[in-house]
PDB file of N, CA and C in Angstrom:
ATOM      1  N   MET A   1       0.841  -1.183   0.000  1.00  0.00           N
ATOM      2  CA  MET A   1       0.000   0.000   0.000  1.00  0.00           C
ATOM      3  C   MET A   1       0.885   1.246   0.000  1.00  0.00           C
ATOM      4  N   GLU A   2       0.593   2.172  -0.884  1.00  0.00           N
ATOM      5  CA  GLU A   2       1.387   3.391  -1.010  1.00  0.00           C
ATOM      6  C   GLU A   2       0.930   4.431   0.003  1.00  0.00           C
ATOM      7  N   SER A   3       1.866   5.062   0.654  1.00  0.00           N
ATOM      8  CA  SER A   3       1.563   6.072   1.652  1.00  0.00           C
ATOM      9  C   SER A   3       1.119   7.369   0.977  1.00  0.00           C
ATOM     10  N   VAL A   4       0.175   8.060   1.579  1.00  0.00           N
ATOM     11  CA  VAL A   4      -0.246   9.360   1.061  1.00  0.00           C
ATOM     12  C   VAL A   4       0.810  10.426   1.341  1.00  0.00           C
ATOM     13  N   PHE A   5       1.770  10.063   2.191  1.00  0.00           N
ATOM     14  CA  PHE A   5       2.836  10.991   2.534  1.00  0.00           C
ATOM     15  C   PHE A   5       4.136  10.673   1.793  1.00  0.00           C
ATOM     16  N   ALA A   6       4.039   9.915   0.742  1.00  0.00           N
ATOM     17  CA  ALA A   6       5.236   9.539  -0.014  1.00  0.00           C
ATOM     18  C   ALA A   6       5.913  10.795  -0.558  1.00  0.00           C
ATOM     19  N   TRP A   7       7.210  10.852  -0.392  1.00  0.00           N
ATOM     20  CA  TRP A   7       7.986  11.997  -0.839  1.00  0.00           C
ATOM     21  C   TRP A   7       8.118  11.960  -2.344  1.00  0.00           C
ATOM     22  N   GLN A   8       7.856  13.069  -2.974  1.00  0.00           N
ATOM     23  CA  GLN A   8       7.984  13.186  -4.413  1.00  0.00           C
ATOM     24  C   GLN A   8       8.967  14.322  -4.693  1.00  0.00           C
ATOM     25  N   PRO A   9      10.213  13.966  -5.020  1.00  0.00           N
ATOM     26  CA  PRO A   9      11.225  15.015  -5.191  1.00  0.00           C
ATOM     27  C   PRO A   9      10.858  16.068  -6.221  1.00  0.00           C
ATOM     28  N   SER A  10      10.203  15.696  -7.284  1.00  0.00           N
ATOM     29  CA  SER A  10       9.873  16.687  -8.306  1.00  0.00           C
ATOM     30  C   SER A  10       8.886  17.729  -7.797  1.00  0.00           C
ATOM     31  N   ALA A  11       8.096  17.377  -6.803  1.00  0.00           N
ATOM     32  CA  ALA A  11       7.115  18.309  -6.262  1.00  0.00           C
ATOM     33  C   ALA A  11       7.771  19.373  -5.386  1.00  0.00           C
ATOM     34  N   ILE A  12       8.925  19.041  -4.819  1.00  0.00           N
ATOM     35  CA  ILE A  12       9.563  19.975  -3.896  1.00  0.00           C
ATOM     36  C   ILE A  12      10.831  20.587  -4.478  1.00  0.00           C
ATOM     37  N   ALA A  13      11.563  19.869  -5.245  1.00  0.00           N
ATOM     38  CA  ALA A  13      12.898  20.293  -5.663  1.00  0.00           C
ATOM     39  C   ALA A  13      12.905  21.582  -6.473  1.00  0.00           C
ATOM     40  N   ASP A  14      11.986  21.763  -7.389  1.00  0.00           N
ATOM     41  CA  ASP A  14      12.027  22.937  -8.251  1.00  0.00           C
ATOM     42  C   ASP A  14      11.996  24.256  -7.487  1.00  0.00           C
ATOM     43  N   PRO A  15      11.013  24.486  -6.599  1.00  0.00           N
ATOM     44  CA  PRO A  15      11.010  25.777  -5.897  1.00  0.00           C
ATOM     45  C   PRO A  15      12.215  25.973  -4.988  1.00  0.00           C
ATOM     46  N   ILE A  16      12.749  24.915  -4.452  1.00  0.00           N
ATOM     47  CA  ILE A  16      13.859  25.044  -3.514  1.00  0.00           C
ATOM     48  C   ILE A  16      15.176  25.243  -4.241  1.00  0.00           C
ATOM     49  N   THR A  17      15.377  24.557  -5.339  1.00  0.00           N
ATOM     50  CA  THR A  17      16.657  24.634  -6.029  1.00  0.00           C
ATOM     51  C   THR A  17      16.705  25.721  -7.085  1.00  0.00           C
ATOM     52  N   ARG A  18      15.582  26.309  -7.393  1.00  0.00           N
ATOM     53  CA  ARG A  18      15.537  27.359  -8.422  1.00  0.00           C
ATOM     54  C   ARG A  18      16.227  28.619  -7.905  1.00  0.00           C
ATOM     55  N   SER A  19      17.073  29.213  -8.710  1.00  0.00           N
ATOM     56  CA  SER A  19      17.740  30.456  -8.339  1.00  0.00           C
ATOM     57  C   SER A  19      16.812  31.641  -8.571  1.00  0.00           C
ATOM     58  N   MET A  20      17.036  32.683  -7.810  1.00  0.00           N
ATOM     59  CA  MET A  20      16.252  33.896  -7.980  1.00  0.00           C
ATOM     60  C   MET A  20      16.851  34.742  -9.092  1.00  0.00           C
ATOM     61  N   LYS A  21      15.986  35.392  -9.832  1.00  0.00           N
ATOM     62  CA  LYS A  21      16.442  36.399 -10.771  1.00  0.00           C
ATOM     63  C   LYS A  21      16.764  37.623  -9.929  1.00  0.00           C
ATOM     64  N   ASN A  22      17.733  38.412 -10.376  1.00  0.00           N
ATOM     65  CA  ASN A  22      18.046  39.593  -9.579  1.00  0.00           C
ATOM     66  C   ASN A  22      18.528  40.739 -10.465  1.00  0.00           C
ATOM     67  N   GLN A  23      18.524  41.907  -9.860  1.00  0.00           N
ATOM     68  CA  GLN A  23      18.915  43.144 -10.530  1.00  0.00           C
ATOM     69  C   GLN A  23      20.270  43.661 -10.048  1.00  0.00           C
ATOM     70  N   VAL A  24      21.050  42.792  -9.414  1.00  0.00           N
ATOM     71  CA  VAL A  24      22.307  43.235  -8.823  1.00  0.00           C
ATOM     72  C   VAL A  24      23.247  43.801  -9.895  1.00  0.00           C
ATOM     73  N   ARG A  25      23.430  43.084 -10.985  1.00  0.00           N
ATOM     74  CA  ARG A  25      24.336  43.573 -12.029  1.00  0.00           C
ATOM     75  C   ARG A  25      23.852  44.909 -12.580  1.00  0.00           C
ATOM     76  N   ASN A  26      22.561  45.007 -12.885  1.00  0.00           N
ATOM     77  CA  ASN A  26      22.019  46.265 -13.423  1.00  0.00           C
ATOM     78  C   ASN A  26      22.266  47.431 -12.465  1.00  0.00           C
ATOM     79  N   GLN A  27      21.985  47.208 -11.197  1.00  0.00           N
ATOM     80  CA  GLN A  27      22.170  48.262 -10.193  1.00  0.00           C
ATOM     81  C   GLN A  27      23.639  48.645 -10.064  1.00  0.00           C
ATOM     82  N   ARG A  28      24.501  47.654 -10.085  1.00  0.00           N
ATOM     83  CA  ARG A  28      25.950  47.906  -9.965  1.00  0.00           C
ATOM     84  C   ARG A  28      26.455  48.711 -11.160  1.00  0.00           C
ATOM     85  N   VAL A  29      26.066  48.287 -12.358  1.00  0.00           N
ATOM     86  CA  VAL A  29      26.529  48.956 -13.581  1.00  0.00           C
ATOM     87  C   VAL A  29      26.005  50.392 -13.643  1.00  0.00           C
ATOM     88  N   GLU A  30      24.753  50.613 -13.218  1.00  0.00           N
ATOM     89  CA  GLU A  30      24.196  51.977 -13.193  1.00  0.00           C
ATOM     90  C   GLU A  30      25.053  52.920 -12.369  1.00  0.00           C
ATOM     91  N   ARG A  31      25.693  52.394 -11.338  1.00  0.00           N
ATOM     92  CA  ARG A  31      26.515  53.216 -10.453  1.00  0.00           C
ATOM     93  C   ARG A  31      27.972  53.288 -10.910  1.00  0.00           C
ATOM     94  N   GLY A  32      28.300  52.542 -11.961  1.00  0.00           N
ATOM     95  CA  GLY A  32      29.672  52.558 -12.466  1.00  0.00           C
ATOM     96  C   GLY A  32      30.647  51.787 -11.598  1.00  0.00           C
ATOM     97  N   TRP A  33      30.134  50.839 -10.816  1.00  0.00           N
ATOM     98  CA  TRP A  33      30.973  50.048  -9.917  1.00  0.00           C
ATOM     99  C   TRP A  33      31.396  48.756 -10.593  1.00  0.00           C
ATOM    100  N   SER A  34      32.603  48.310 -10.296  1.00  0.00           N
ATOM    101  CA  SER A  34      33.047  46.987 -10.720  1.00  0.00           C
ATOM    102  C   SER A  34      32.517  45.966  -9.708  1.00  0.00           C
ATOM    103  N   GLN A  35      32.658  44.695 -10.050  1.00  0.00           N
ATOM    104  CA  GLN A  35      32.289  43.662  -9.082  1.00  0.00           C
ATOM    105  C   GLN A  35      33.146  43.788  -7.829  1.00  0.00           C
ATOM    106  N   ALA A  36      34.411  44.127  -7.999  1.00  0.00           N
ATOM    107  CA  ALA A  36      35.310  44.304  -6.850  1.00  0.00           C
ATOM    108  C   ALA A  36      34.861  45.469  -5.973  1.00  0.00           C
ATOM    109  N   ASP A  37      34.393  46.574  -6.596  1.00  0.00           N
ATOM    110  CA  ASP A  37      33.883  47.717  -5.832  1.00  0.00           C
ATOM    111  C   ASP A  37      32.687  47.302  -4.978  1.00  0.00           C
ATOM    112  N   LEU A  38      31.740  46.613  -5.600  1.00  0.00           N
ATOM    113  CA  LEU A  38      30.551  46.178  -4.867  1.00  0.00           C
ATOM    114  C   LEU A  38      30.929  45.213  -3.758  1.00  0.00           C
ATOM    115  N   ALA A  39      31.818  44.284  -4.064  1.00  0.00           N
ATOM    116  CA  ALA A  39      32.257  43.313  -3.055  1.00  0.00           C
ATOM    117  C   ALA A  39      32.864  44.016  -1.843  1.00  0.00           C
ATOM    118  N   ALA A  40      33.702  45.009  -2.088  1.00  0.00           N
ATOM    119  CA  ALA A  40      34.339  45.752  -0.989  1.00  0.00           C
ATOM    120  C   ALA A  40      33.294  46.470  -0.141  1.00  0.00           C
ATOM    121  N   ARG A  41      32.290  47.055  -0.777  1.00  0.00           N
ATOM    122  CA  ARG A  41      31.237  47.770  -0.051  1.00  0.00           C
ATOM    123  C   ARG A  41      30.394  46.822   0.794  1.00  0.00           C
ATOM    124  N   LEU A  42      30.278  45.570   0.346  1.00  0.00           N
ATOM    125  CA  LEU A  42      29.466  44.580   1.055  1.00  0.00           C
ATOM    126  C   LEU A  42      30.275  43.711   2.013  1.00  0.00           C
ATOM    127  N   GLY A  43      31.600  43.742   1.889  1.00  0.00           N
ATOM    128  CA  GLY A  43      32.445  42.902   2.738  1.00  0.00           C
ATOM    129  C   GLY A  43      32.429  41.446   2.326  1.00  0.00           C
ATOM    130  N   VAL A  44      32.285  41.195   1.013  1.00  0.00           N
ATOM    131  CA  VAL A  44      32.315  39.831   0.475  1.00  0.00           C
ATOM    132  C   VAL A  44      33.354  39.772  -0.642  1.00  0.00           C
ATOM    133  N   SER A  45      33.578  38.600  -1.182  1.00  0.00           N
ATOM    134  CA  SER A  45      34.544  38.463  -2.274  1.00  0.00           C
ATOM    135  C   SER A  45      33.916  38.850  -3.614  1.00  0.00           C
ATOM    136  N   ARG A  46      34.767  39.178  -4.565  1.00  0.00           N
ATOM    137  CA  ARG A  46      34.293  39.466  -5.917  1.00  0.00           C
ATOM    138  C   ARG A  46      33.618  38.226  -6.505  1.00  0.00           C
ATOM    139  N   GLN A  47      34.120  37.045  -6.145  1.00  0.00           N
ATOM    140  CA  GLN A  47      33.526  35.798  -6.631  1.00  0.00           C
ATOM    141  C   GLN A  47      32.098  35.634  -6.118  1.00  0.00           C
ATOM    142  N   THR A  48      31.837  36.076  -4.895  1.00  0.00           N
ATOM    143  CA  THR A  48      30.481  36.022  -4.351  1.00  0.00           C
ATOM    144  C   THR A  48      29.559  36.929  -5.154  1.00  0.00           C
ATOM    145  N   VAL A  49      30.005  38.130  -5.452  1.00  0.00           N
ATOM    146  CA  VAL A  49      29.209  39.057  -6.260  1.00  0.00           C
ATOM    147  C   VAL A  49      28.937  38.442  -7.625  1.00  0.00           C
ATOM    148  N   ASN A  50      29.952  37.870  -8.253  1.00  0.00           N
ATOM    149  CA  ASN A  50      29.775  37.240  -9.551  1.00  0.00           C
ATOM    150  C   ASN A  50      28.762  36.105  -9.479  1.00  0.00           C
ATOM    151  N   SER A  51      28.845  35.288  -8.447  1.00  0.00           N
ATOM    152  CA  SER A  51      27.918  34.162  -8.295  1.00  0.00           C
ATOM    153  C   SER A  51      26.481  34.625  -8.080  1.00  0.00           C
ATOM    154  N   ILE A  52      26.305  35.721  -7.354  1.00  0.00           N
ATOM    155  CA  ILE A  52      24.962  36.268  -7.154  1.00  0.00           C
ATOM    156  C   ILE A  52      24.437  36.809  -8.478  1.00  0.00           C
ATOM    157  N   GLU A  53      25.244  37.571  -9.178  1.00  0.00           N
ATOM    158  CA  GLU A  53      24.815  38.169 -10.442  1.00  0.00           C
ATOM    159  C   GLU A  53      24.448  37.127 -11.491  1.00  0.00           C
ATOM    160  N   THR A  54      25.159  36.028 -11.522  1.00  0.00           N
ATOM    161  CA  THR A  54      24.899  34.989 -12.523  1.00  0.00           C
ATOM    162  C   THR A  54      23.862  33.973 -12.080  1.00  0.00           C
ATOM    163  N   GLY A  55      23.335  34.122 -10.865  1.00  0.00           N
ATOM    164  CA  GLY A  55      22.299  33.212 -10.375  1.00  0.00           C
ATOM    165  C   GLY A  55      22.816  31.883  -9.883  1.00  0.00           C
ATOM    166  N   LYS A  56      24.121  31.772  -9.687  1.00  0.00           N
ATOM    167  CA  LYS A  56      24.695  30.523  -9.172  1.00  0.00           C
ATOM    168  C   LYS A  56      24.577  30.442  -7.655  1.00  0.00           C
ATOM    169  N   TYR A  57      24.335  31.580  -7.029  1.00  0.00           N
ATOM    170  CA  TYR A  57      24.274  31.649  -5.563  1.00  0.00           C
ATOM    171  C   TYR A  57      23.214  32.653  -5.166  1.00  0.00           C
ATOM    172  N   ASP A  58      22.319  32.237  -4.280  1.00  0.00           N
ATOM    173  CA  ASP A  58      21.338  33.148  -3.705  1.00  0.00           C
ATOM    174  C   ASP A  58      21.883  33.617  -2.360  1.00  0.00           C
ATOM    175  N   PRO A  59      21.955  34.915  -2.140  1.00  0.00           N
ATOM    176  CA  PRO A  59      22.559  35.421  -0.902  1.00  0.00           C
ATOM    177  C   PRO A  59      21.717  35.096   0.327  1.00  0.00           C
ATOM    178  N   SER A  60      22.388  35.083   1.461  1.00  0.00           N
ATOM    179  CA  SER A  60      21.685  34.933   2.731  1.00  0.00           C
ATOM    180  C   SER A  60      20.785  36.147   2.931  1.00  0.00           C
ATOM    181  N   LEU A  61      19.859  36.045   3.840  1.00  0.00           N
ATOM    182  CA  LEU A  61      18.967  37.175   4.109  1.00  0.00           C
ATOM    183  C   LEU A  61      19.739  38.415   4.552  1.00  0.00           C
ATOM    184  N   PRO A  62      20.699  38.296   5.479  1.00  0.00           N
ATOM    185  CA  PRO A  62      21.454  39.505   5.856  1.00  0.00           C
ATOM    186  C   PRO A  62      22.192  40.130   4.670  1.00  0.00           C
ATOM    187  N   LEU A  63      22.749  39.306   3.780  1.00  0.00           N
ATOM    188  CA  LEU A  63      23.451  39.851   2.618  1.00  0.00           C
ATOM    189  C   LEU A  63      22.462  40.474   1.636  1.00  0.00           C
ATOM    190  N   ALA A  64      21.320  39.842   1.432  1.00  0.00           N
ATOM    191  CA  ALA A  64      20.293  40.414   0.546  1.00  0.00           C
ATOM    192  C   ALA A  64      19.826  41.770   1.080  1.00  0.00           C
ATOM    193  N   LEU A  65      19.653  41.873   2.387  1.00  0.00           N
ATOM    194  CA  LEU A  65      19.255  43.150   2.996  1.00  0.00           C
ATOM    195  C   LEU A  65      20.345  44.201   2.813  1.00  0.00           C
ATOM    196  N   ALA A  66      21.604  43.802   2.983  1.00  0.00           N
ATOM    197  CA  ALA A  66      22.724  44.743   2.802  1.00  0.00           C
ATOM    198  C   ALA A  66      22.783  45.237   1.355  1.00  0.00           C
ATOM    199  N   ILE A  67      22.544  44.352   0.414  1.00  0.00           N
ATOM    200  CA  ILE A  67      22.541  44.735  -0.999  1.00  0.00           C
ATOM    201  C   ILE A  67      21.414  45.733  -1.266  1.00  0.00           C
ATOM    202  N   ALA A  68      20.225  45.415  -0.774  1.00  0.00           N
ATOM    203  CA  ALA A  68      19.080  46.306  -0.983  1.00  0.00           C
ATOM    204  C   ALA A  68      19.330  47.676  -0.355  1.00  0.00           C
ATOM    205  N   ARG A  69      19.868  47.710   0.849  1.00  0.00           N
ATOM    206  CA  ARG A  69      20.160  48.997   1.502  1.00  0.00           C
ATOM    207  C   ARG A  69      21.199  49.786   0.717  1.00  0.00           C
ATOM    208  N   LEU A  70      22.232  49.099   0.252  1.00  0.00           N
ATOM    209  CA  LEU A  70      23.285  49.770  -0.505  1.00  0.00           C
ATOM    210  C   LEU A  70      22.724  50.406  -1.777  1.00  0.00           C
ATOM    211  N   PHE A  71      21.787  49.727  -2.410  1.00  0.00           N
ATOM    212  CA  PHE A  71      21.165  50.242  -3.633  1.00  0.00           C
ATOM    213  C   PHE A  71      19.937  51.106  -3.354  1.00  0.00           C
ATOM    214  N   LYS A  72      19.668  51.366  -2.055  1.00  0.00           N
ATOM    215  CA  LYS A  72      18.521  52.183  -1.645  1.00  0.00           C
ATOM    216  C   LYS A  72      17.225  51.673  -2.293  1.00  0.00           C
ATOM    217  N   SER A  73      17.021  50.378  -2.125  1.00  0.00           N
ATOM    218  CA  SER A  73      15.873  49.699  -2.722  1.00  0.00           C
ATOM    219  C   SER A  73      15.353  48.662  -1.737  1.00  0.00           C
ATOM    220  N   SER A  74      14.368  47.920  -2.162  1.00  0.00           N
ATOM    221  CA  SER A  74      13.845  46.837  -1.327  1.00  0.00           C
ATOM    222  C   SER A  74      14.393  45.503  -1.838  1.00  0.00           C
ATOM    223  N   VAL A  75      14.401  44.520  -0.969  1.00  0.00           N
ATOM    224  CA  VAL A  75      14.835  43.178  -1.356  1.00  0.00           C
ATOM    225  C   VAL A  75      13.970  42.674  -2.507  1.00  0.00           C
ATOM    226  N   GLU A  76      12.670  42.957  -2.448  1.00  0.00           N
ATOM    227  CA  GLU A  76      11.750  42.490  -3.487  1.00  0.00           C
ATOM    228  C   GLU A  76      12.066  43.086  -4.860  1.00  0.00           C
ATOM    229  N   ARG A  77      12.556  44.311  -4.884  1.00  0.00           N
ATOM    230  CA  ARG A  77      12.902  44.937  -6.174  1.00  0.00           C
ATOM    231  C   ARG A  77      14.222  44.414  -6.729  1.00  0.00           C
ATOM    232  N   ILE A  78      15.117  43.997  -5.842  1.00  0.00           N
ATOM    233  CA  ILE A  78      16.416  43.490  -6.275  1.00  0.00           C
ATOM    234  C   ILE A  78      16.336  42.004  -6.626  1.00  0.00           C
ATOM    235  N   PHE A  79      15.608  41.236  -5.824  1.00  0.00           N
ATOM    236  CA  PHE A  79      15.530  39.788  -6.006  1.00  0.00           C
ATOM    237  C   PHE A  79      14.093  39.362  -6.274  1.00  0.00           C
ATOM    238  N   ASP A  80      13.925  38.469  -7.232  1.00  0.00           N
ATOM    239  CA  ASP A  80      12.594  37.995  -7.608  1.00  0.00           C
ATOM    240  C   ASP A  80      12.657  36.507  -7.898  1.00  0.00           C
ATOM    241  N   ASP A  81      11.856  35.711  -7.202  1.00  0.00           N
ATOM    242  CA  ASP A  81      11.876  34.256  -7.426  1.00  0.00           C
ATOM    243  C   ASP A  81      10.749  33.802  -8.360  1.00  0.00           C
ATOM    244  N   ARG A  82      10.005  34.746  -8.900  1.00  0.00           N
ATOM    245  CA  ARG A  82       8.923  34.369  -9.820  1.00  0.00           C
ATOM    246  C   ARG A  82       9.463  34.149 -11.217  1.00  0.00           C
ATOM    247  N   ASP A  83       8.800  33.275 -11.948  1.00  0.00           N
ATOM    248  CA  ASP A  83       9.211  33.016 -13.341  1.00  0.00           C
ATOM    249  C   ASP A  83       8.826  34.126 -14.250  1.00  0.00           C
TER     250      ASP A  83
END
């Protein structure tokens, strides 16, 4: 007998593993900053900034808040998980 609570990876994996779209690169370029400039302002590595911009890494909540504050915007305007 099959359990009604059977785990179905396809039902859960997509929303959890999907990267957020973001406006970090656009915001950075508008200000004329390099990835290294942004990284220094945030206290992270340039590789972290690159990974966020390319969608390979979703920042922690404190880092997302720091990014939004630096760009004088909201987290919702910078990061979007909708398709």
